[in-house]
Amino acid sequence: MATIQNEDARKLLGIITSAVKSDRLLTYKSAAELLGRYPPENHSRAVAQMCDLLDAAAALAGVPLLALVAVRINSGEINPKAWRENGTRRKAIIEKSKGHRFTNADFKAISAALKKLDGKGNRTAWEYVRRQIPDEVLYHSLAFPDFASTSDAIDDMGTDSPDRAKTTGWVYARDPRIRAAVMQRANGRCELCSKLGFKKPDGKRYLESHHIIALANEGADRMTNVIALCPNDHREAHFGKRGAELEKEMIAKVMAKEVNVEP
């Protein structure tokens, strides 16, 4: 049953993706119709459970809750039962999801995380997510705006960030929490070539963070799109002949770490 729900959720993700790209809102009934469920009014609960599973995948991928705001009850309201036990947190989660511009990278990240949740229904999927991510970290990820950092240095040469401010040109800002988490994940080793970074005066290993797909090209400032590289690999990723080849390799390596997808 859970495997079937996962398969149906994957179909629903495709439907939601198309709707979001054309600025259309779905309801449980219209989604059921597009899934070929008849009579559609009898399948609202099943669609709501698929949406809940998709949002568990989004949370696992570090993406705002897509299905929560993209698929609604027949009146057009967000499901009043969703996150109702969290009070003010519910409002913050909804506001962040409503204000987020979902990109192709987000859709891909949700899809990859859904593979990790294969064999799990919506309830067991959320139980899994909460075992992987502490409650406060999960809440901050779902409800708080991304904190911008104006420090670029050489740490990412492409300044690939979702937020930007107009000065004499566009200055891109990145979430410092993402960089910190990626450096912790790397544990001092380049995530592409596995070599240890050189030691800094404080004894820590030096690595540089890199957005695999530039935010200007609809990449994402998320764990699934940021990798820690040694300076040599970082420069090759930006300026080398093997850029496209390295991009595929980096995506595989990061996804293997973040959602256990085999490279």
C-alpha atoms as a PDB file:
ATOM      1  CA  MET A   1       0.000   0.000   0.000  1.00  0.00           C
ATOM      2  CA  ALA A   2       2.785   2.434   0.943  1.00  0.00           C
ATOM      3  CA  THR A   3       4.667   1.610  -2.273  1.00  0.00           C
ATOM      4  CA  ILE A   4       1.537   2.368  -4.303  1.00  0.00           C
ATOM      5  CA  GLN A   5       1.115   5.669  -2.454  1.00  0.00           C
ATOM      6  CA  ASN A   6       4.721   6.560  -3.286  1.00  0.00           C
ATOM      7  CA  GLU A   7       4.170   5.761  -6.966  1.00  0.00           C
ATOM      8  CA  ASP A   8       1.002   7.849  -7.017  1.00  0.00           C
ATOM      9  CA  ALA A   9       2.793  10.691  -5.226  1.00  0.00           C
ATOM     10  CA  ARG A  10       5.453  10.638  -7.944  1.00  0.00           C
ATOM     11  CA  LYS A  11       2.726  11.032 -10.597  1.00  0.00           C
ATOM     12  CA  LEU A  12       1.171  13.816  -8.548  1.00  0.00           C
ATOM     13  CA  LEU A  13       4.529  15.599  -8.329  1.00  0.00           C
ATOM     14  CA  GLY A  14       4.606  15.774 -12.125  1.00  0.00           C
ATOM     15  CA  ILE A  15       1.096  17.224 -12.151  1.00  0.00           C
ATOM     16  CA  ILE A  16       1.977  19.778  -9.474  1.00  0.00           C
ATOM     17  CA  THR A  17       5.161  20.746 -11.300  1.00  0.00           C
ATOM     18  CA  SER A  18       3.202  21.526 -14.469  1.00  0.00           C
ATOM     19  CA  ALA A  19       0.589  23.468 -12.508  1.00  0.00           C
ATOM     20  CA  VAL A  20       3.174  25.571 -10.643  1.00  0.00           C
ATOM     21  CA  LYS A  21       5.011  26.417 -13.848  1.00  0.00           C
ATOM     22  CA  SER A  22       1.756  27.700 -15.352  1.00  0.00           C
ATOM     23  CA  ASP A  23       0.690  29.496 -12.139  1.00  0.00           C
ATOM     24  CA  ARG A  24      -2.321  27.243 -11.582  1.00  0.00           C
ATOM     25  CA  LEU A  25      -3.621  26.105  -8.224  1.00  0.00           C
ATOM     26  CA  LEU A  26      -4.914  22.574  -7.869  1.00  0.00           C
ATOM     27  CA  THR A  27      -7.550  21.190  -5.542  1.00  0.00           C
ATOM     28  CA  TYR A  28      -7.706  17.654  -4.208  1.00  0.00           C
ATOM     29  CA  LYS A  29     -10.612  17.053  -6.579  1.00  0.00           C
ATOM     30  CA  SER A  30      -8.901  18.438  -9.694  1.00  0.00           C
ATOM     31  CA  ALA A  31      -5.715  16.557  -8.810  1.00  0.00           C
ATOM     32  CA  ALA A  32      -7.722  13.345  -8.457  1.00  0.00           C
ATOM     33  CA  GLU A  33      -9.206  13.932 -11.901  1.00  0.00           C
ATOM     34  CA  LEU A  34      -5.753  14.459 -13.417  1.00  0.00           C
ATOM     35  CA  LEU A  35      -4.613  11.253 -11.723  1.00  0.00           C
ATOM     36  CA  GLY A  36      -7.532   9.427 -13.343  1.00  0.00           C
ATOM     37  CA  ARG A  37      -9.333   8.799 -10.055  1.00  0.00           C
ATOM     38  CA  TYR A  38     -13.127   8.643 -10.494  1.00  0.00           C
ATOM     39  CA  PRO A  39     -15.356   9.829  -9.064  1.00  0.00           C
ATOM     40  CA  PRO A  40     -12.745  12.407  -8.014  1.00  0.00           C
ATOM     41  CA  GLU A  41     -14.667  13.617  -4.964  1.00  0.00           C
ATOM     42  CA  ASN A  42     -14.217  10.153  -3.452  1.00  0.00           C
ATOM     43  CA  HIS A  43     -10.418  10.389  -3.665  1.00  0.00           C
ATOM     44  CA  SER A  44      -9.723  13.689  -1.894  1.00  0.00           C
ATOM     45  CA  ARG A  45      -8.402  11.943   1.196  1.00  0.00           C
ATOM     46  CA  ALA A  46      -6.029   9.781  -0.848  1.00  0.00           C
ATOM     47  CA  VAL A  47      -4.720  12.882  -2.670  1.00  0.00           C
ATOM     48  CA  ALA A  48      -4.256  14.673   0.662  1.00  0.00           C
ATOM     49  CA  GLN A  49      -2.129  11.745   1.870  1.00  0.00           C
ATOM     50  CA  MET A  50      -0.038  11.876  -1.314  1.00  0.00           C
ATOM     51  CA  CYS A  51       0.491  15.606  -0.728  1.00  0.00           C
ATOM     52  CA  ASP A  52       1.590  14.885   2.831  1.00  0.00           C
ATOM     53  CA  LEU A  53       4.095  12.331   1.522  1.00  0.00           C
ATOM     54  CA  LEU A  54       5.411  14.842  -1.029  1.00  0.00           C
ATOM     55  CA  ASP A  55       5.846  17.407   1.723  1.00  0.00           C
ATOM     56  CA  ALA A  56       7.786  14.876   3.810  1.00  0.00           C
ATOM     57  CA  ALA A  57      10.068  14.455   0.790  1.00  0.00           C
ATOM     58  CA  ALA A  58      10.368  18.237   0.455  1.00  0.00           C
ATOM     59  CA  ALA A  59      11.323  18.545   4.124  1.00  0.00           C
ATOM     60  CA  LEU A  60      13.920  15.799   3.717  1.00  0.00           C
ATOM     61  CA  ALA A  61      15.347  17.636   0.697  1.00  0.00           C
ATOM     62  CA  GLY A  62      15.419  20.983   2.523  1.00  0.00           C
ATOM     63  CA  VAL A  63      12.781  22.507   0.236  1.00  0.00           C
ATOM     64  CA  PRO A  64       9.710  24.509   1.390  1.00  0.00           C
ATOM     65  CA  LEU A  65       6.476  22.521   1.398  1.00  0.00           C
ATOM     66  CA  LEU A  66       5.307  22.468  -2.209  1.00  0.00           C
ATOM     67  CA  ALA A  67       2.156  20.337  -2.058  1.00  0.00           C
ATOM     68  CA  LEU A  68       0.885  22.146   1.042  1.00  0.00           C
ATOM     69  CA  VAL A  69       0.348  25.358  -0.935  1.00  0.00           C
ATOM     70  CA  ALA A  70      -0.030  23.999  -4.482  1.00  0.00           C
ATOM     71  CA  VAL A  71      -2.922  21.585  -3.814  1.00  0.00           C
ATOM     72  CA  ARG A  72      -5.838  22.837  -1.728  1.00  0.00           C
ATOM     73  CA  ILE A  73      -9.299  21.889  -0.533  1.00  0.00           C
ATOM     74  CA  ASN A  74     -12.193  22.547  -2.930  1.00  0.00           C
ATOM     75  CA  SER A  75     -12.791  26.060  -1.553  1.00  0.00           C
ATOM     76  CA  GLY A  76      -9.255  27.038  -2.554  1.00  0.00           C
ATOM     77  CA  GLU A  77      -8.078  27.244   1.069  1.00  0.00           C
ATOM     78  CA  ILE A  78      -4.982  25.472   2.357  1.00  0.00           C
ATOM     79  CA  ASN A  79      -5.968  22.262   4.135  1.00  0.00           C
ATOM     80  CA  PRO A  80      -6.993  23.414   7.650  1.00  0.00           C
ATOM     81  CA  LYS A  81      -5.924  20.052   9.092  1.00  0.00           C
ATOM     82  CA  ALA A  82      -2.339  20.402   7.880  1.00  0.00           C
ATOM     83  CA  TRP A  83       0.055  21.424  10.686  1.00  0.00           C
ATOM     84  CA  ARG A  84      -2.908  22.587  12.781  1.00  0.00           C
ATOM     85  CA  GLU A  85      -1.296  21.329  15.981  1.00  0.00           C
ATOM     86  CA  ASN A  86       1.591  23.783  15.514  1.00  0.00           C
ATOM     87  CA  GLY A  87      -0.361  27.061  15.802  1.00  0.00           C
ATOM     88  CA  THR A  88       1.905  29.986  14.955  1.00  0.00           C
ATOM     89  CA  ARG A  89       4.401  27.597  13.394  1.00  0.00           C
ATOM     90  CA  ARG A  90       1.741  26.565  10.857  1.00  0.00           C
ATOM     91  CA  LYS A  91       1.382  30.187   9.751  1.00  0.00           C
ATOM     92  CA  ALA A  92       5.139  30.632   9.372  1.00  0.00           C
ATOM     93  CA  ILE A  93       5.497  27.374   7.416  1.00  0.00           C
ATOM     94  CA  ILE A  94       2.669  28.362   5.077  1.00  0.00           C
ATOM     95  CA  GLU A  95       4.042  31.870   4.546  1.00  0.00           C
ATOM     96  CA  LYS A  96       7.498  30.585   3.644  1.00  0.00           C
ATOM     97  CA  SER A  97       6.079  28.035   1.202  1.00  0.00           C
ATOM     98  CA  LYS A  98       3.709  30.568  -0.391  1.00  0.00           C
ATOM     99  CA  GLY A  99       6.513  33.078  -0.802  1.00  0.00           C
ATOM    100  CA  HIS A 100       8.987  30.619  -2.320  1.00  0.00           C
ATOM    101  CA  ARG A 101       9.571  30.485  -6.064  1.00  0.00           C
ATOM    102  CA  PHE A 102       9.890  26.787  -6.775  1.00  0.00           C
ATOM    103  CA  THR A 103      12.502  25.922  -9.394  1.00  0.00           C
ATOM    104  CA  ASN A 104      13.435  22.870 -11.430  1.00  0.00           C
ATOM    105  CA  ALA A 105      16.132  22.136  -8.857  1.00  0.00           C
ATOM    106  CA  ASP A 106      13.477  22.056  -6.124  1.00  0.00           C
ATOM    107  CA  PHE A 107      11.310  19.634  -8.082  1.00  0.00           C
ATOM    108  CA  LYS A 108      14.304  17.383  -8.738  1.00  0.00           C
ATOM    109  CA  ALA A 109      15.324  17.469  -5.068  1.00  0.00           C
ATOM    110  CA  ILE A 110      11.810  16.470  -3.959  1.00  0.00           C
ATOM    111  CA  SER A 111      11.770  13.654  -6.504  1.00  0.00           C
ATOM    112  CA  ALA A 112      15.143  12.346  -5.314  1.00  0.00           C
ATOM    113  CA  ALA A 113      14.047  12.476  -1.671  1.00  0.00           C
ATOM    114  CA  LEU A 114      10.845  10.641  -2.575  1.00  0.00           C
ATOM    115  CA  LYS A 115      13.003   7.749  -3.773  1.00  0.00           C
ATOM    116  CA  LYS A 116      14.574   7.658  -0.335  1.00  0.00           C
ATOM    117  CA  LEU A 117      11.079   7.346   1.134  1.00  0.00           C
ATOM    118  CA  ASP A 118      10.101   4.452  -1.119  1.00  0.00           C
ATOM    119  CA  GLY A 119       8.054   1.880   0.799  1.00  0.00           C
ATOM    120  CA  LYS A 120       6.915   4.466   3.359  1.00  0.00           C
ATOM    121  CA  GLY A 121       3.433   5.940   3.627  1.00  0.00           C
ATOM    122  CA  ASN A 122       2.935   9.586   4.531  1.00  0.00           C
ATOM    123  CA  ARG A 123       2.931   8.990   8.299  1.00  0.00           C
ATOM    124  CA  THR A 124       5.960   6.722   8.382  1.00  0.00           C
ATOM    125  CA  ALA A 125       7.725   9.101   5.977  1.00  0.00           C
ATOM    126  CA  TRP A 126       7.346  11.970   8.434  1.00  0.00           C
ATOM    127  CA  GLU A 127       8.522   9.725  11.262  1.00  0.00           C
ATOM    128  CA  TYR A 128      11.629   8.982   9.184  1.00  0.00           C
ATOM    129  CA  VAL A 129      12.212  12.682   8.439  1.00  0.00           C
ATOM    130  CA  ARG A 130      11.970  13.557  12.120  1.00  0.00           C
ATOM    131  CA  ARG A 131      14.493  10.871  12.988  1.00  0.00           C
ATOM    132  CA  GLN A 132      16.880  12.354  10.437  1.00  0.00           C
ATOM    133  CA  ILE A 133      16.335  16.034  11.265  1.00  0.00           C
ATOM    134  CA  PRO A 134      15.961  17.419  14.834  1.00  0.00           C
ATOM    135  CA  ASP A 135      12.613  19.158  15.356  1.00  0.00           C
ATOM    136  CA  GLU A 136      14.009  22.668  15.799  1.00  0.00           C
ATOM    137  CA  VAL A 137      16.256  22.338  12.746  1.00  0.00           C
ATOM    138  CA  LEU A 138      13.302  21.028  10.744  1.00  0.00           C
ATOM    139  CA  TYR A 139      11.065  23.876  11.889  1.00  0.00           C
ATOM    140  CA  HIS A 140      13.678  26.531  11.085  1.00  0.00           C
ATOM    141  CA  SER A 141      14.176  25.006   7.653  1.00  0.00           C
ATOM    142  CA  LEU A 142      10.436  24.987   6.907  1.00  0.00           C
ATOM    143  CA  ALA A 143       9.424  28.282   8.486  1.00  0.00           C
ATOM    144  CA  PHE A 144      12.297  30.755   8.572  1.00  0.00           C
ATOM    145  CA  PRO A 145      13.443  32.905   5.633  1.00  0.00           C
ATOM    146  CA  ASP A 146      16.908  32.096   4.323  1.00  0.00           C
ATOM    147  CA  PHE A 147      19.502  34.270   6.015  1.00  0.00           C
ATOM    148  CA  ALA A 148      21.593  36.164   3.503  1.00  0.00           C
ATOM    149  CA  SER A 149      25.314  36.620   3.661  1.00  0.00           C
ATOM    150  CA  THR A 150      27.084  39.320   1.673  1.00  0.00           C
ATOM    151  CA  SER A 151      30.492  37.672   1.997  1.00  0.00           C
ATOM    152  CA  ASP A 152      31.513  36.206  -1.326  1.00  0.00           C
ATOM    153  CA  ALA A 153      35.331  35.972  -1.219  1.00  0.00           C
ATOM    154  CA  ILE A 154      36.178  33.062  -3.546  1.00  0.00           C
ATOM    155  CA  ASP A 155      33.540  31.012  -1.836  1.00  0.00           C
ATOM    156  CA  ASP A 156      31.569  30.700  -4.617  1.00  0.00           C
ATOM    157  CA  MET A 157      33.055  32.486  -7.604  1.00  0.00           C
ATOM    158  CA  GLY A 158      29.706  32.466  -9.386  1.00  0.00           C
ATOM    159  CA  THR A 159      27.836  34.184  -6.503  1.00  0.00           C
ATOM    160  CA  ASP A 160      25.002  31.767  -7.167  1.00  0.00           C
ATOM    161  CA  SER A 161      22.285  32.721  -4.712  1.00  0.00           C
ATOM    162  CA  PRO A 162      18.515  33.132  -4.744  1.00  0.00           C
ATOM    163  CA  ASP A 163      18.529  36.579  -3.128  1.00  0.00           C
ATOM    164  CA  ARG A 164      20.127  39.550  -4.793  1.00  0.00           C
ATOM    165  CA  ALA A 165      20.430  43.277  -4.130  1.00  0.00           C
ATOM    166  CA  LYS A 166      20.968  46.054  -6.679  1.00  0.00           C
ATOM    167  CA  THR A 167      24.108  48.147  -6.242  1.00  0.00           C
ATOM    168  CA  THR A 168      26.251  49.070  -9.256  1.00  0.00           C
ATOM    169  CA  GLY A 169      25.451  45.533 -10.403  1.00  0.00           C
ATOM    170  CA  TRP A 170      23.675  42.524  -8.948  1.00  0.00           C
ATOM    171  CA  VAL A 171      25.220  41.309  -5.674  1.00  0.00           C
ATOM    172  CA  TYR A 172      24.072  37.811  -4.726  1.00  0.00           C
ATOM    173  CA  ALA A 173      23.643  36.673  -1.136  1.00  0.00           C
ATOM    174  CA  ARG A 174      23.839  33.134   0.190  1.00  0.00           C
ATOM    175  CA  ASP A 175      22.577  31.356   3.293  1.00  0.00           C
ATOM    176  CA  PRO A 176      25.555  30.930   5.654  1.00  0.00           C
ATOM    177  CA  ARG A 177      23.827  27.999   7.379  1.00  0.00           C
ATOM    178  CA  ILE A 178      24.000  25.993   4.157  1.00  0.00           C
ATOM    179  CA  ARG A 179      27.733  26.593   3.786  1.00  0.00           C
ATOM    180  CA  ALA A 180      28.343  25.648   7.417  1.00  0.00           C
ATOM    181  CA  ALA A 181      26.316  22.453   7.095  1.00  0.00           C
ATOM    182  CA  VAL A 182      28.081  21.482   3.854  1.00  0.00           C
ATOM    183  CA  MET A 183      31.510  22.011   5.457  1.00  0.00           C
ATOM    184  CA  GLN A 184      30.443  19.823   8.364  1.00  0.00           C
ATOM    185  CA  ARG A 185      29.275  17.166   5.918  1.00  0.00           C
ATOM    186  CA  ALA A 186      32.606  17.267   4.064  1.00  0.00           C
ATOM    187  CA  ASN A 187      34.626  16.914   7.292  1.00  0.00           C
ATOM    188  CA  GLY A 188      37.713  18.490   5.757  1.00  0.00           C
ATOM    189  CA  ARG A 189      37.760  16.452   2.537  1.00  0.00           C
ATOM    190  CA  CYS A 190      36.966  17.665  -0.954  1.00  0.00           C
ATOM    191  CA  GLU A 191      33.659  16.057  -1.832  1.00  0.00           C
ATOM    192  CA  LEU A 192      34.770  15.592  -5.432  1.00  0.00           C
ATOM    193  CA  CYS A 193      38.344  14.237  -5.248  1.00  0.00           C
ATOM    194  CA  SER A 194      38.347  13.203  -1.543  1.00  0.00           C
ATOM    195  CA  LYS A 195      41.657  14.961  -0.808  1.00  0.00           C
ATOM    196  CA  LEU A 196      42.059  16.673   2.558  1.00  0.00           C
ATOM    197  CA  GLY A 197      42.052  20.457   2.436  1.00  0.00           C
ATOM    198  CA  PHE A 198      45.180  22.193   3.696  1.00  0.00           C
ATOM    199  CA  LYS A 199      45.251  23.233   7.350  1.00  0.00           C
ATOM    200  CA  LYS A 200      44.462  26.824   8.286  1.00  0.00           C
ATOM    201  CA  PRO A 201      46.085  28.578  11.283  1.00  0.00           C
ATOM    202  CA  ASP A 202      43.138  27.522  13.474  1.00  0.00           C
ATOM    203  CA  GLY A 203      43.766  23.871  12.589  1.00  0.00           C
ATOM    204  CA  LYS A 204      40.653  23.518  10.436  1.00  0.00           C
ATOM    205  CA  ARG A 205      40.800  22.236   6.872  1.00  0.00           C
ATOM    206  CA  TYR A 206      40.274  24.741   4.070  1.00  0.00           C
ATOM    207  CA  LEU A 207      37.587  24.026   1.471  1.00  0.00           C
ATOM    208  CA  GLU A 208      35.389  26.217  -0.720  1.00  0.00           C
ATOM    209  CA  SER A 209      31.645  25.903  -1.218  1.00  0.00           C
ATOM    210  CA  HIS A 210      30.296  25.659  -4.733  1.00  0.00           C
ATOM    211  CA  HIS A 211      26.752  25.744  -6.131  1.00  0.00           C
ATOM    212  CA  ILE A 212      26.649  22.835  -8.562  1.00  0.00           C
ATOM    213  CA  ILE A 213      23.895  24.441 -10.626  1.00  0.00           C
ATOM    214  CA  ALA A 214      24.116  28.226 -10.521  1.00  0.00           C
ATOM    215  CA  LEU A 215      21.154  29.933  -8.885  1.00  0.00           C
ATOM    216  CA  ALA A 216      20.966  32.199 -11.898  1.00  0.00           C
ATOM    217  CA  ASN A 217      20.278  29.009 -13.867  1.00  0.00           C
ATOM    218  CA  GLU A 218      17.544  27.895 -11.416  1.00  0.00           C
ATOM    219  CA  GLY A 219      19.848  26.066  -9.079  1.00  0.00           C
ATOM    220  CA  ALA A 220      19.084  26.105  -5.357  1.00  0.00           C
ATOM    221  CA  ASP A 221      20.826  27.308  -2.224  1.00  0.00           C
ATOM    222  CA  ARG A 222      20.269  23.934  -0.550  1.00  0.00           C
ATOM    223  CA  MET A 223      22.297  21.011   0.714  1.00  0.00           C
ATOM    224  CA  THR A 224      21.483  19.014  -2.411  1.00  0.00           C
ATOM    225  CA  ASN A 225      22.988  21.686  -4.664  1.00  0.00           C
ATOM    226  CA  VAL A 226      26.061  22.804  -2.697  1.00  0.00           C
ATOM    227  CA  ILE A 227      29.334  20.890  -2.513  1.00  0.00           C
ATOM    228  CA  ALA A 228      32.620  21.470  -0.640  1.00  0.00           C
ATOM    229  CA  LEU A 229      35.600  21.527  -3.014  1.00  0.00           C
ATOM    230  CA  CYS A 230      39.340  21.956  -2.820  1.00  0.00           C
ATOM    231  CA  PRO A 231      40.508  25.163  -4.588  1.00  0.00           C
ATOM    232  CA  ASN A 232      41.789  23.261  -7.627  1.00  0.00           C
ATOM    233  CA  ASP A 233      38.508  21.404  -8.238  1.00  0.00           C
ATOM    234  CA  HIS A 234      36.535  24.584  -7.576  1.00  0.00           C
ATOM    235  CA  ARG A 235      38.367  26.487 -10.275  1.00  0.00           C
ATOM    236  CA  GLU A 236      38.076  23.614 -12.724  1.00  0.00           C
ATOM    237  CA  ALA A 237      34.325  23.453 -12.070  1.00  0.00           C
ATOM    238  CA  HIS A 238      34.023  27.130 -13.056  1.00  0.00           C
ATOM    239  CA  PHE A 239      36.643  27.483 -15.762  1.00  0.00           C
ATOM    240  CA  GLY A 240      37.704  24.002 -16.865  1.00  0.00           C
ATOM    241  CA  LYS A 241      36.960  22.164 -20.070  1.00  0.00           C
ATOM    242  CA  ARG A 242      35.296  19.323 -18.112  1.00  0.00           C
ATOM    243  CA  GLY A 243      32.662  21.580 -16.511  1.00  0.00           C
ATOM    244  CA  ALA A 244      29.595  19.640 -17.719  1.00  0.00           C
ATOM    245  CA  GLU A 245      31.188  16.299 -16.827  1.00  0.00           C
ATOM    246  CA  LEU A 246      32.125  17.521 -13.346  1.00  0.00           C
ATOM    247  CA  GLU A 247      28.607  18.868 -12.784  1.00  0.00           C
ATOM    248  CA  LYS A 248      27.115  15.397 -13.288  1.00  0.00           C
ATOM    249  CA  GLU A 249      29.715  13.817 -11.024  1.00  0.00           C
ATOM    250  CA  MET A 250      29.139  16.394  -8.277  1.00  0.00           C
ATOM    251  CA  ILE A 251      25.357  15.938  -8.417  1.00  0.00           C
ATOM    252  CA  ALA A 252      25.760  12.171  -8.038  1.00  0.00           C
ATOM    253  CA  LYS A 253      28.158  12.488  -5.104  1.00  0.00           C
ATOM    254  CA  VAL A 254      26.031  14.999  -3.204  1.00  0.00           C
ATOM    255  CA  MET A 255      22.800  13.107  -3.772  1.00  0.00           C
ATOM    256  CA  ALA A 256      24.490   9.931  -2.548  1.00  0.00           C
ATOM    257  CA  LYS A 257      25.249  11.708   0.722  1.00  0.00           C
ATOM    258  CA  GLU A 258      22.023  13.620   1.148  1.00  0.00           C
ATOM    259  CA  VAL A 259      19.382  11.095   0.089  1.00  0.00           C
ATOM    260  CA  ASN A 260      21.429   7.928  -0.318  1.00  0.00           C
ATOM    261  CA  VAL A 261      21.010   7.801  -4.092  1.00  0.00           C
ATOM    262  CA  GLU A 262      23.736   5.625  -5.548  1.00  0.00           C
ATOM    263  CA  PRO A 263      26.115   7.598  -7.804  1.00  0.00           C
END
